[in-house]
Every structure is written in C-alpha cells, then in structure tokens.
Amino acid sequence: MLAIVGGYLVYMAYELLKNLIGNVPTTMPRFVQILFIALFAGIGIALLVFAWKVWKKGKEDPDKNPVALEEQEDSATDEQKRPEK
C-alpha cells in the first residue's frame, strides 16, 4: 500500500514538473509549484524506499513479516472462537 501511495506522489510531482516546464497557465504561483514538486517527490521517494525495505526484510525473514504475523494472529483467534465438538 505504501508503494502505491509513494508511486502516486512521484507521478504527481512529475505531472507538476511537466506543467511547470511547459508553461501551462495556472493560478498557482511558480514558487508554490516548485515547493509542491519537491514535497511530493521527496515524500514519494521516501515512501517507496521504506516500502522496499519492509518488503525486503519480510522476504529475508518471514518470521518478522508484519503481514504474516497479522495473519497468524487472525488464525489463532479464529481457532479460539470455534466451539469444540
């Protein structure tokens, strides 16, 4: 999910940069455009790097994978809720 959000922010930064370079008319001042380009690109790249590190760590050590741990907890609670026969 983080990778999707990070990718979208990088895409938005790219679109803003493309519009800035192409001198597309807008009501937003140029310094605000540059500020948001830097902000979107920085946060987007940071989220992509963080998501990649989490994925890599989970792949190297499946026991520490947060998604797998949540699934294990869900299955444990399901077993506890079942009535015994």
PDB file of N, CA and C in Angstrom:
ATOM      1  N   MET A   1       0.813  -1.183   0.000  1.00  0.00           N
ATOM      2  CA  MET A   1       0.000   0.000   0.000  1.00  0.00           C
ATOM      3  C   MET A   1       0.866   1.260   0.000  1.00  0.00           C
ATOM      4  N   LEU A   2       1.948   1.224   0.780  1.00  0.00           N
ATOM      5  CA  LEU A   2       2.848   2.375   0.814  1.00  0.00           C
ATOM      6  C   LEU A   2       3.492   2.622  -0.537  1.00  0.00           C
ATOM      7  N   ALA A   3       3.786   1.547  -1.254  1.00  0.00           N
ATOM      8  CA  ALA A   3       4.401   1.697  -2.567  1.00  0.00           C
ATOM      9  C   ALA A   3       3.437   2.373  -3.539  1.00  0.00           C
ATOM     10  N   ILE A   4       2.165   2.079  -3.433  1.00  0.00           N
ATOM     11  CA  ILE A   4       1.173   2.697  -4.314  1.00  0.00           C
ATOM     12  C   ILE A   4       1.082   4.197  -4.031  1.00  0.00           C
ATOM     13  N   VAL A   5       1.029   4.555  -2.759  1.00  0.00           N
ATOM     14  CA  VAL A   5       0.955   5.966  -2.381  1.00  0.00           C
ATOM     15  C   VAL A   5       2.231   6.696  -2.800  1.00  0.00           C
ATOM     16  N   GLY A   6       3.376   6.081  -2.560  1.00  0.00           N
ATOM     17  CA  GLY A   6       4.649   6.690  -2.955  1.00  0.00           C
ATOM     18  C   GLY A   6       4.750   6.868  -4.462  1.00  0.00           C
ATOM     19  N   GLY A   7       4.328   5.857  -5.199  1.00  0.00           N
ATOM     20  CA  GLY A   7       4.337   5.961  -6.656  1.00  0.00           C
ATOM     21  C   GLY A   7       3.417   7.057  -7.158  1.00  0.00           C
ATOM     22  N   TYR A   8       2.262   7.195  -6.534  1.00  0.00           N
ATOM     23  CA  TYR A   8       1.320   8.236  -6.941  1.00  0.00           C
ATOM     24  C   TYR A   8       1.882   9.625  -6.668  1.00  0.00           C
ATOM     25  N   LEU A   9       2.543   9.800  -5.527  1.00  0.00           N
ATOM     26  CA  LEU A   9       3.138  11.097  -5.214  1.00  0.00           C
ATOM     27  C   LEU A   9       4.258  11.455  -6.186  1.00  0.00           C
ATOM     28  N   VAL A  10       5.059  10.470  -6.562  1.00  0.00           N
ATOM     29  CA  VAL A  10       6.115  10.715  -7.551  1.00  0.00           C
ATOM     30  C   VAL A  10       5.486  11.073  -8.896  1.00  0.00           C
ATOM     31  N   TYR A  11       4.414  10.399  -9.261  1.00  0.00           N
ATOM     32  CA  TYR A  11       3.702  10.707 -10.502  1.00  0.00           C
ATOM     33  C   TYR A  11       3.150  12.132 -10.471  1.00  0.00           C
ATOM     34  N   MET A  12       2.575  12.542  -9.350  1.00  0.00           N
ATOM     35  CA  MET A  12       2.042  13.900  -9.224  1.00  0.00           C
ATOM     36  C   MET A  12       3.163  14.934  -9.345  1.00  0.00           C
ATOM     37  N   ALA A  13       4.311  14.642  -8.747  1.00  0.00           N
ATOM     38  CA  ALA A  13       5.450  15.556  -8.867  1.00  0.00           C
ATOM     39  C   ALA A  13       5.882  15.667 -10.319  1.00  0.00           C
ATOM     40  N   TYR A  14       5.899  14.536 -11.029  1.00  0.00           N
ATOM     41  CA  TYR A  14       6.262  14.535 -12.441  1.00  0.00           C
ATOM     42  C   TYR A  14       5.280  15.372 -13.267  1.00  0.00           C
ATOM     43  N   GLU A  15       3.994  15.206 -13.012  1.00  0.00           N
ATOM     44  CA  GLU A  15       2.984  15.974 -13.758  1.00  0.00           C
ATOM     45  C   GLU A  15       3.105  17.467 -13.473  1.00  0.00           C
ATOM     46  N   LEU A  16       3.331  17.831 -12.218  1.00  0.00           N
ATOM     47  CA  LEU A  16       3.517  19.244 -11.883  1.00  0.00           C
ATOM     48  C   LEU A  16       4.768  19.812 -12.556  1.00  0.00           C
ATOM     49  N   LEU A  17       5.841  19.032 -12.575  1.00  0.00           N
ATOM     50  CA  LEU A  17       7.076  19.472 -13.219  1.00  0.00           C
ATOM     51  C   LEU A  17       6.871  19.635 -14.724  1.00  0.00           C
ATOM     52  N   LYS A  18       6.163  18.695 -15.322  1.00  0.00           N
ATOM     53  CA  LYS A  18       5.883  18.776 -16.748  1.00  0.00           C
ATOM     54  C   LYS A  18       5.074  20.033 -17.069  1.00  0.00           C
ATOM     55  N   ASN A  19       4.085  20.357 -16.248  1.00  0.00           N
ATOM     56  CA  ASN A  19       3.290  21.565 -16.447  1.00  0.00           C
ATOM     57  C   ASN A  19       4.112  22.830 -16.203  1.00  0.00           C
ATOM     58  N   LEU A  20       5.026  22.788 -15.239  1.00  0.00           N
ATOM     59  CA  LEU A  20       5.881  23.933 -14.956  1.00  0.00           C
ATOM     60  C   LEU A  20       6.823  24.206 -16.122  1.00  0.00           C
ATOM     61  N   ILE A  21       7.429  23.154 -16.655  1.00  0.00           N
ATOM     62  CA  ILE A  21       8.353  23.304 -17.777  1.00  0.00           C
ATOM     63  C   ILE A  21       7.611  23.748 -19.036  1.00  0.00           C
ATOM     64  N   GLY A  22       6.401  23.218 -19.225  1.00  0.00           N
ATOM     65  CA  GLY A  22       5.620  23.553 -20.412  1.00  0.00           C
ATOM     66  C   GLY A  22       4.905  24.894 -20.317  1.00  0.00           C
ATOM     67  N   ASN A  23       5.095  25.632 -19.219  1.00  0.00           N
ATOM     68  CA  ASN A  23       4.433  26.929 -19.001  1.00  0.00           C
ATOM     69  C   ASN A  23       2.918  26.853 -19.181  1.00  0.00           C
ATOM     70  N   VAL A  24       2.313  25.800 -18.654  1.00  0.00           N
ATOM     71  CA  VAL A  24       0.858  25.657 -18.685  1.00  0.00           C
ATOM     72  C   VAL A  24       0.266  26.716 -17.758  1.00  0.00           C
ATOM     73  N   PRO A  25      -0.721  27.484 -18.242  1.00  0.00           N
ATOM     74  CA  PRO A  25      -1.297  28.533 -17.391  1.00  0.00           C
ATOM     75  C   PRO A  25      -1.990  27.943 -16.166  1.00  0.00           C
ATOM     76  N   THR A  26      -1.725  28.555 -15.019  1.00  0.00           N
ATOM     77  CA  THR A  26      -2.315  28.096 -13.769  1.00  0.00           C
ATOM     78  C   THR A  26      -2.455  29.289 -12.816  1.00  0.00           C
ATOM     79  N   THR A  27      -3.292  29.138 -11.830  1.00  0.00           N
ATOM     80  CA  THR A  27      -3.456  30.207 -10.840  1.00  0.00           C
ATOM     81  C   THR A  27      -2.465  30.065  -9.692  1.00  0.00           C
ATOM     82  N   MET A  28      -1.705  28.965  -9.675  1.00  0.00           N
ATOM     83  CA  MET A  28      -0.749  28.712  -8.605  1.00  0.00           C
ATOM     84  C   MET A  28       0.578  29.429  -8.917  1.00  0.00           C
ATOM     85  N   PRO A  29       1.119  30.187  -7.965  1.00  0.00           N
ATOM     86  CA  PRO A  29       2.424  30.836  -8.200  1.00  0.00           C
ATOM     87  C   PRO A  29       3.531  29.805  -8.427  1.00  0.00           C
ATOM     88  N   ARG A  30       4.563  30.205  -9.154  1.00  0.00           N
ATOM     89  CA  ARG A  30       5.654  29.288  -9.511  1.00  0.00           C
ATOM     90  C   ARG A  30       6.373  28.727  -8.280  1.00  0.00           C
ATOM     91  N   PHE A  31       6.609  29.560  -7.268  1.00  0.00           N
ATOM     92  CA  PHE A  31       7.326  29.054  -6.094  1.00  0.00           C
ATOM     93  C   PHE A  31       6.497  28.003  -5.355  1.00  0.00           C
ATOM     94  N   VAL A  32       5.169  28.110  -5.393  1.00  0.00           N
ATOM     95  CA  VAL A  32       4.308  27.104  -4.767  1.00  0.00           C
ATOM     96  C   VAL A  32       4.374  25.804  -5.576  1.00  0.00           C
ATOM     97  N   GLN A  33       4.404  25.928  -6.894  1.00  0.00           N
ATOM     98  CA  GLN A  33       4.542  24.743  -7.742  1.00  0.00           C
ATOM     99  C   GLN A  33       5.850  24.023  -7.436  1.00  0.00           C
ATOM    100  N   ILE A  34       6.938  24.777  -7.357  1.00  0.00           N
ATOM    101  CA  ILE A  34       8.247  24.182  -7.076  1.00  0.00           C
ATOM    102  C   ILE A  34       8.254  23.550  -5.685  1.00  0.00           C
ATOM    103  N   LEU A  35       7.635  24.207  -4.723  1.00  0.00           N
ATOM    104  CA  LEU A  35       7.549  23.670  -3.364  1.00  0.00           C
ATOM    105  C   LEU A  35       6.820  22.326  -3.352  1.00  0.00           C
ATOM    106  N   PHE A  36       5.679  22.256  -4.044  1.00  0.00           N
ATOM    107  CA  PHE A  36       4.912  21.016  -4.055  1.00  0.00           C
ATOM    108  C   PHE A  36       5.597  19.925  -4.869  1.00  0.00           C
ATOM    109  N   ILE A  37       6.307  20.292  -5.927  1.00  0.00           N
ATOM    110  CA  ILE A  37       7.074  19.302  -6.681  1.00  0.00           C
ATOM    111  C   ILE A  37       8.105  18.657  -5.765  1.00  0.00           C
ATOM    112  N   ALA A  38       8.849  19.479  -5.039  1.00  0.00           N
ATOM    113  CA  ALA A  38       9.870  18.957  -4.126  1.00  0.00           C
ATOM    114  C   ALA A  38       9.244  18.137  -3.006  1.00  0.00           C
ATOM    115  N   LEU A  39       8.142  18.618  -2.462  1.00  0.00           N
ATOM    116  CA  LEU A  39       7.462  17.921  -1.371  1.00  0.00           C
ATOM    117  C   LEU A  39       6.932  16.562  -1.830  1.00  0.00           C
ATOM    118  N   PHE A  40       6.204  16.538  -2.944  1.00  0.00           N
ATOM    119  CA  PHE A  40       5.649  15.282  -3.457  1.00  0.00           C
ATOM    120  C   PHE A  40       6.753  14.300  -3.833  1.00  0.00           C
ATOM    121  N   ALA A  41       7.785  14.792  -4.504  1.00  0.00           N
ATOM    122  CA  ALA A  41       8.870  13.905  -4.917  1.00  0.00           C
ATOM    123  C   ALA A  41       9.607  13.341  -3.703  1.00  0.00           C
ATOM    124  N   GLY A  42       9.911  14.187  -2.738  1.00  0.00           N
ATOM    125  CA  GLY A  42      10.640  13.733  -1.555  1.00  0.00           C
ATOM    126  C   GLY A  42       9.867  12.712  -0.741  1.00  0.00           C
ATOM    127  N   ILE A  43       8.614  13.012  -0.456  1.00  0.00           N
ATOM    128  CA  ILE A  43       7.792  12.083   0.328  1.00  0.00           C
ATOM    129  C   ILE A  43       7.530  10.803  -0.465  1.00  0.00           C
ATOM    130  N   GLY A  44       7.267  10.938  -1.757  1.00  0.00           N
ATOM    131  CA  GLY A  44       7.003   9.764  -2.588  1.00  0.00           C
ATOM    132  C   GLY A  44       8.194   8.829  -2.652  1.00  0.00           C
ATOM    133  N   ILE A  45       9.374   9.383  -2.859  1.00  0.00           N
ATOM    134  CA  ILE A  45      10.587   8.552  -2.916  1.00  0.00           C
ATOM    135  C   ILE A  45      10.856   7.921  -1.552  1.00  0.00           C
ATOM    136  N   ALA A  46      10.663   8.674  -0.480  1.00  0.00           N
ATOM    137  CA  ALA A  46      10.868   8.124   0.869  1.00  0.00           C
ATOM    138  C   ALA A  46       9.916   6.960   1.133  1.00  0.00           C
ATOM    139  N   LEU A  47       8.651   7.096   0.730  1.00  0.00           N
ATOM    140  CA  LEU A  47       7.698   6.001   0.921  1.00  0.00           C
ATOM    141  C   LEU A  47       8.066   4.782   0.084  1.00  0.00           C
ATOM    142  N   LEU A  48       8.519   5.012  -1.145  1.00  0.00           N
ATOM    143  CA  LEU A  48       8.929   3.887  -1.988  1.00  0.00           C
ATOM    144  C   LEU A  48      10.126   3.154  -1.387  1.00  0.00           C
ATOM    145  N   VAL A  49      11.102   3.895  -0.886  1.00  0.00           N
ATOM    146  CA  VAL A  49      12.280   3.270  -0.269  1.00  0.00           C
ATOM    147  C   VAL A  49      11.873   2.510   0.992  1.00  0.00           C
ATOM    148  N   PHE A  50      11.025   3.108   1.813  1.00  0.00           N
ATOM    149  CA  PHE A  50      10.571   2.449   3.035  1.00  0.00           C
ATOM    150  C   PHE A  50       9.798   1.164   2.720  1.00  0.00           C
ATOM    151  N   ALA A  51       8.901   1.223   1.724  1.00  0.00           N
ATOM    152  CA  ALA A  51       8.132   0.039   1.342  1.00  0.00           C
ATOM    153  C   ALA A  51       9.051  -1.049   0.817  1.00  0.00           C
ATOM    154  N   TRP A  52      10.077  -0.658   0.064  1.00  0.00           N
ATOM    155  CA  TRP A  52      11.019  -1.645  -0.473  1.00  0.00           C
ATOM    156  C   TRP A  52      11.798  -2.307   0.660  1.00  0.00           C
ATOM    157  N   LYS A  53      12.220  -1.512   1.663  1.00  0.00           N
ATOM    158  CA  LYS A  53      12.960  -2.080   2.788  1.00  0.00           C
ATOM    159  C   LYS A  53      12.088  -3.031   3.600  1.00  0.00           C
ATOM    160  N   VAL A  54      10.826  -2.677   3.818  1.00  0.00           N
ATOM    161  CA  VAL A  54       9.912  -3.556   4.550  1.00  0.00           C
ATOM    162  C   VAL A  54       9.701  -4.844   3.775  1.00  0.00           C
ATOM    163  N   TRP A  55       9.524  -4.739   2.469  1.00  0.00           N
ATOM    164  CA  TRP A  55       9.328  -5.932   1.635  1.00  0.00           C
ATOM    165  C   TRP A  55      10.561  -6.817   1.668  1.00  0.00           C
ATOM    166  N   LYS A  56      11.745  -6.186   1.538  1.00  0.00           N
ATOM    167  CA  LYS A  56      12.990  -6.956   1.532  1.00  0.00           C
ATOM    168  C   LYS A  56      13.209  -7.646   2.881  1.00  0.00           C
ATOM    169  N   LYS A  57      12.935  -6.937   3.968  1.00  0.00           N
ATOM    170  CA  LYS A  57      13.108  -7.519   5.302  1.00  0.00           C
ATOM    171  C   LYS A  57      12.138  -8.681   5.508  1.00  0.00           C
ATOM    172  N   GLY A  58      10.907  -8.526   5.055  1.00  0.00           N
ATOM    173  CA  GLY A  58       9.925  -9.599   5.183  1.00  0.00           C
ATOM    174  C   GLY A  58      10.275 -10.808   4.343  1.00  0.00           C
ATOM    175  N   LYS A  59      10.905 -10.562   3.199  1.00  0.00           N
ATOM    176  CA  LYS A  59      11.301 -11.668   2.326  1.00  0.00           C
ATOM    177  C   LYS A  59      12.491 -12.428   2.909  1.00  0.00           C
ATOM    178  N   GLU A  60      13.418 -11.689   3.552  1.00  0.00           N
ATOM    179  CA  GLU A  60      14.591 -12.325   4.139  1.00  0.00           C
ATOM    180  C   GLU A  60      14.244 -13.116   5.392  1.00  0.00           C
ATOM    181  N   ASP A  61      13.353 -12.575   6.211  1.00  0.00           N
ATOM    182  CA  ASP A  61      12.995 -13.218   7.471  1.00  0.00           C
ATOM    183  C   ASP A  61      11.473 -13.253   7.588  1.00  0.00           C
ATOM    184  N   PRO A  62      10.836 -14.314   7.092  1.00  0.00           N
ATOM    185  CA  PRO A  62       9.372 -14.367   7.106  1.00  0.00           C
ATOM    186  C   PRO A  62       8.768 -14.309   8.507  1.00  0.00           C
ATOM    187  N   ASP A  63       9.533 -14.670   9.540  1.00  0.00           N
ATOM    188  CA  ASP A  63       9.006 -14.627  10.903  1.00  0.00           C
ATOM    189  C   ASP A  63       8.757 -13.197  11.374  1.00  0.00           C
ATOM    190  N   LYS A  64       9.473 -12.229  10.789  1.00  0.00           N
ATOM    191  CA  LYS A  64       9.315 -10.828  11.192  1.00  0.00           C
ATOM    192  C   LYS A  64       8.442 -10.051  10.219  1.00  0.00           C
ATOM    193  N   ASN A  65       7.842 -10.728   9.271  1.00  0.00           N
ATOM    194  CA  ASN A  65       6.980 -10.073   8.297  1.00  0.00           C
ATOM    195  C   ASN A  65       5.697  -9.635   8.988  1.00  0.00           C
ATOM    196  N   PRO A  66       5.390  -8.316   9.039  1.00  0.00           N
ATOM    197  CA  PRO A  66       4.210  -7.860   9.777  1.00  0.00           C
ATOM    198  C   PRO A  66       2.907  -8.388   9.201  1.00  0.00           C
ATOM    199  N   VAL A  67       2.835  -8.586   7.904  1.00  0.00           N
ATOM    200  CA  VAL A  67       1.605  -9.103   7.301  1.00  0.00           C
ATOM    201  C   VAL A  67       1.395 -10.547   7.718  1.00  0.00           C
ATOM    202  N   ALA A  68       2.448 -11.337   7.696  1.00  0.00           N
ATOM    203  CA  ALA A  68       2.343 -12.739   8.080  1.00  0.00           C
ATOM    204  C   ALA A  68       1.976 -12.862   9.565  1.00  0.00           C
ATOM    205  N   LEU A  69       2.520 -11.972  10.400  1.00  0.00           N
ATOM    206  CA  LEU A  69       2.199 -12.020  11.819  1.00  0.00           C
ATOM    207  C   LEU A  69       0.727 -11.707  12.064  1.00  0.00           C
ATOM    208  N   GLU A  70       0.178 -10.747  11.314  1.00  0.00           N
ATOM    209  CA  GLU A  70      -1.247 -10.431  11.456  1.00  0.00           C
ATOM    210  C   GLU A  70      -2.105 -11.623  11.040  1.00  0.00           C
ATOM    211  N   GLU A  71      -1.720 -12.306   9.971  1.00  0.00           N
ATOM    212  CA  GLU A  71      -2.483 -13.466   9.513  1.00  0.00           C
ATOM    213  C   GLU A  71      -2.422 -14.582  10.550  1.00  0.00           C
ATOM    214  N   GLN A  72      -1.260 -14.748  11.183  1.00  0.00           N
ATOM    215  CA  GLN A  72      -1.131 -15.777  12.212  1.00  0.00           C
ATOM    216  C   GLN A  72      -2.014 -15.442  13.411  1.00  0.00           C
ATOM    217  N   GLU A  73      -2.065 -14.185  13.803  1.00  0.00           N
ATOM    218  CA  GLU A  73      -2.900 -13.789  14.931  1.00  0.00           C
ATOM    219  C   GLU A  73      -4.373 -13.999  14.612  1.00  0.00           C
ATOM    220  N   ASP A  74      -4.792 -13.684  13.372  1.00  0.00           N
ATOM    221  CA  ASP A  74      -6.181 -13.876  12.970  1.00  0.00           C
ATOM    222  C   ASP A  74      -6.563 -15.348  13.012  1.00  0.00           C
ATOM    223  N   SER A  75      -5.672 -16.209  12.531  1.00  0.00           N
ATOM    224  CA  SER A  75      -5.990 -17.638  12.535  1.00  0.00           C
ATOM    225  C   SER A  75      -6.029 -18.174  13.965  1.00  0.00           C
ATOM    226  N   ALA A  76      -5.190 -17.631  14.845  1.00  0.00           N
ATOM    227  CA  ALA A  76      -5.196 -18.070  16.243  1.00  0.00           C
ATOM    228  C   ALA A  76      -6.496 -17.662  16.920  1.00  0.00           C
ATOM    229  N   THR A  77      -6.988 -16.469  16.652  1.00  0.00           N
ATOM    230  CA  THR A  77      -8.231 -16.041  17.283  1.00  0.00           C
ATOM    231  C   THR A  77      -9.416 -16.794  16.696  1.00  0.00           C
ATOM    232  N   ASP A  78      -9.356 -17.165  15.420  1.00  0.00           N
ATOM    233  CA  ASP A  78     -10.421 -17.951  14.817  1.00  0.00           C
ATOM    234  C   ASP A  78     -10.507 -19.329  15.463  1.00  0.00           C
ATOM    235  N   GLU A  79      -9.348 -19.916  15.749  1.00  0.00           N
ATOM    236  CA  GLU A  79      -9.339 -21.231  16.374  1.00  0.00           C
ATOM    237  C   GLU A  79      -9.886 -21.154  17.804  1.00  0.00           C
ATOM    238  N   GLN A  80      -9.626 -20.072  18.485  1.00  0.00           N
ATOM    239  CA  GLN A  80     -10.106 -19.921  19.862  1.00  0.00           C
ATOM    240  C   GLN A  80     -11.604 -19.711  19.906  1.00  0.00           C
ATOM    241  N   LYS A  81     -12.164 -19.100  18.881  1.00  0.00           N
ATOM    242  CA  LYS A  81     -13.597 -18.802  18.861  1.00  0.00           C
ATOM    243  C   LYS A  81     -14.431 -20.006  18.480  1.00  0.00           C
ATOM    244  N   ARG A  82     -13.846 -20.967  17.807  1.00  0.00           N
ATOM    245  CA  ARG A  82     -14.614 -22.131  17.347  1.00  0.00           C
ATOM    246  C   ARG A  82     -15.068 -22.974  18.544  1.00  0.00           C
ATOM    247  N   PRO A  83     -16.314 -23.393  18.532  1.00  0.00           N
ATOM    248  CA  PRO A  83     -16.745 -24.291  19.612  1.00  0.00           C
ATOM    249  C   PRO A  83     -16.152 -25.684  19.408  1.00  0.00           C
ATOM    250  N   GLU A  84     -15.833 -26.310  20.517  1.00  0.00           N
ATOM    251  CA  GLU A  84     -15.272 -27.642  20.417  1.00  0.00           C
ATOM    252  C   GLU A  84     -16.380 -28.668  20.209  1.00  0.00           C
ATOM    253  N   LYS A  85     -16.055 -29.685  19.435  1.00  0.00           N
ATOM    254  CA  LYS A  85     -17.045 -30.724  19.131  1.00  0.00           C
ATOM    255  C   LYS A  85     -16.878 -31.931  20.004  1.00  0.00           C
TER     256      LYS A  85
END
